[in-house]
Amino acid sequence: MTFNKTADPKADIRVSFNPKTGSYSAIGIAAKDPSRDGQATLNLGWIKEGAEFTNENRGVTLHEFGHALGLLHEHQSPARGGKLTLKDAGKLEFLLGVTRFNLSFAFGSHYPRIR
């Protein structure tokens, strides 16, 4: 996968940094909806211009690009059968730790640092 900077109003992912609309992304091919032509499909409004690129900013960026690539939040998965149950906080803490480690490994080790 490669990302190229372009001014094409029909590019697959069109990034903006509008602080007034928060951070969001169209999910996968929804960005190709003609009604979105010329509009941002991914906004990183929580990242302030000129600010240091912190782990929090990196997390927001990865989260929104995950959506752009078609990933949903876990609670939106059809595989969960319409239920979301948390049996105890220890399991949740463990899973969050594993998720953070996997994201750090997957993105930090194999891809250039996002700037």
Protein backbone atom coordinates (compact mmCIF):
# COMPACT_ATOMS: atom_id res chain seq x y z
CA MET A 1 0.00 0.00 0.00
CA THR A 2 1.29 3.45 -0.83
CA PHE A 3 0.04 6.92 -0.07
CA ASN A 4 0.70 9.75 -2.49
CA LYS A 5 0.10 13.41 -1.85
CA THR A 6 -2.26 14.80 -4.47
CA ALA A 7 -4.71 17.64 -5.01
CA ASP A 8 -7.11 15.32 -6.87
CA PRO A 9 -10.65 16.06 -5.56
CA LYS A 10 -11.59 12.42 -6.29
CA ALA A 11 -8.63 10.80 -4.49
CA ASP A 12 -9.56 7.71 -2.45
CA ILE A 13 -8.62 9.35 0.87
CA ARG A 14 -8.81 13.14 1.19
CA VAL A 15 -7.30 14.37 4.46
CA SER A 16 -8.12 17.62 6.21
CA PHE A 17 -7.09 19.12 9.57
CA ASN A 18 -10.22 21.10 10.48
CA PRO A 19 -10.29 21.52 14.30
CA LYS A 20 -13.99 22.50 14.21
CA THR A 21 -15.17 19.02 13.15
CA GLY A 22 -13.02 16.76 15.36
CA SER A 23 -11.45 13.63 13.95
CA TYR A 24 -13.35 11.24 11.69
CA SER A 25 -13.06 9.05 8.62
CA ALA A 26 -15.35 7.57 6.02
CA ILE A 27 -15.34 3.77 6.30
CA GLY A 28 -13.56 2.05 3.41
CA ILE A 29 -15.16 2.53 0.01
CA ALA A 30 -17.80 4.89 1.45
CA ALA A 31 -15.22 7.59 0.63
CA LYS A 32 -15.93 6.94 -3.06
CA ASP A 33 -19.56 8.04 -2.71
CA PRO A 34 -20.02 10.76 -5.38
CA SER A 35 -21.80 12.99 -2.87
CA ARG A 36 -18.44 13.34 -1.09
CA ASP A 37 -16.51 14.48 -4.17
CA GLY A 38 -14.18 17.32 -3.28
CA GLN A 39 -14.85 16.94 0.45
CA ALA A 40 -12.48 15.53 3.05
CA THR A 41 -13.02 11.84 3.74
CA LEU A 42 -10.68 11.81 6.75
CA ASN A 43 -10.23 14.68 9.19
CA LEU A 44 -7.52 14.88 11.85
CA GLY A 45 -8.96 17.89 13.65
CA TRP A 46 -7.64 16.85 17.05
CA ILE A 47 -4.05 17.19 15.84
CA LYS A 48 -2.97 20.77 16.25
CA GLU A 49 -0.79 22.38 13.60
CA GLY A 50 2.83 22.65 14.70
CA ALA A 51 2.25 20.44 17.75
CA GLU A 52 4.64 17.66 18.64
CA PHE A 53 3.52 14.35 17.14
CA THR A 54 2.74 12.54 20.40
CA ASN A 55 1.65 8.95 20.95
CA GLU A 56 -1.90 10.26 21.34
CA ASN A 57 -1.70 11.98 17.94
CA ARG A 58 -0.22 8.82 16.44
CA GLY A 59 -3.09 6.80 17.92
CA VAL A 60 -5.73 9.14 16.47
CA THR A 61 -4.01 8.99 13.07
CA LEU A 62 -3.83 5.18 13.07
CA HIS A 63 -7.41 4.93 14.31
CA GLU A 64 -8.81 7.14 11.55
CA PHE A 65 -6.69 5.51 8.81
CA GLY A 66 -7.97 2.15 10.08
CA HIS A 67 -11.49 3.38 9.35
CA ALA A 68 -10.36 4.65 5.92
CA LEU A 69 -9.10 1.13 5.19
CA GLY A 70 -12.49 -0.35 6.17
CA LEU A 71 -12.02 -1.27 9.84
CA LEU A 72 -14.93 -0.76 12.24
CA HIS A 73 -14.98 -0.43 15.99
CA GLU A 74 -15.21 -3.79 17.74
CA HIS A 75 -18.71 -3.04 19.08
CA GLN A 76 -19.86 -2.63 15.44
CA SER A 77 -18.71 -6.10 14.40
CA PRO A 78 -21.50 -8.36 13.12
CA ALA A 79 -19.55 -11.28 14.63
CA ARG A 80 -20.57 -10.22 18.14
CA GLY A 81 -24.17 -11.29 17.50
CA GLY A 82 -25.78 -8.06 18.70
CA LYS A 83 -24.35 -8.36 22.22
CA LEU A 84 -21.52 -6.61 23.97
CA THR A 85 -20.70 -7.94 27.40
CA LEU A 86 -17.70 -7.24 29.60
CA LYS A 87 -17.29 -9.97 32.17
CA ASP A 88 -14.58 -8.32 34.27
CA ALA A 89 -12.26 -5.35 34.09
CA GLY A 90 -9.13 -7.54 34.21
CA LYS A 91 -9.92 -9.12 30.86
CA LEU A 92 -10.65 -5.73 29.34
CA GLU A 93 -7.34 -4.30 30.60
CA PHE A 94 -5.48 -7.31 29.20
CA LEU A 95 -7.16 -7.00 25.80
CA LEU A 96 -6.46 -3.26 25.61
CA GLY A 97 -2.81 -3.92 26.44
CA VAL A 98 -2.55 -6.57 23.72
CA THR A 99 -4.23 -4.26 21.22
CA ARG A 100 -1.80 -1.45 22.00
CA PHE A 101 1.14 -3.82 21.67
CA ASN A 102 -0.10 -5.25 18.38
CA LEU A 103 -0.71 -1.81 16.87
CA SER A 104 2.69 -0.64 18.02
CA PHE A 105 4.34 -3.72 16.57
CA ALA A 106 2.38 -3.78 13.34
CA PHE A 107 2.74 -0.11 12.52
CA GLY A 108 5.91 0.79 14.38
CA SER A 109 8.10 -2.04 13.16
CA HIS A 110 7.10 -2.46 9.55
CA TYR A 111 6.19 0.99 8.31
CA PRO A 112 7.96 4.32 8.30
CA ARG A 113 7.03 6.65 11.09
CA ILE A 114 4.02 8.82 10.28
CA ARG A 115 4.97 12.49 10.38
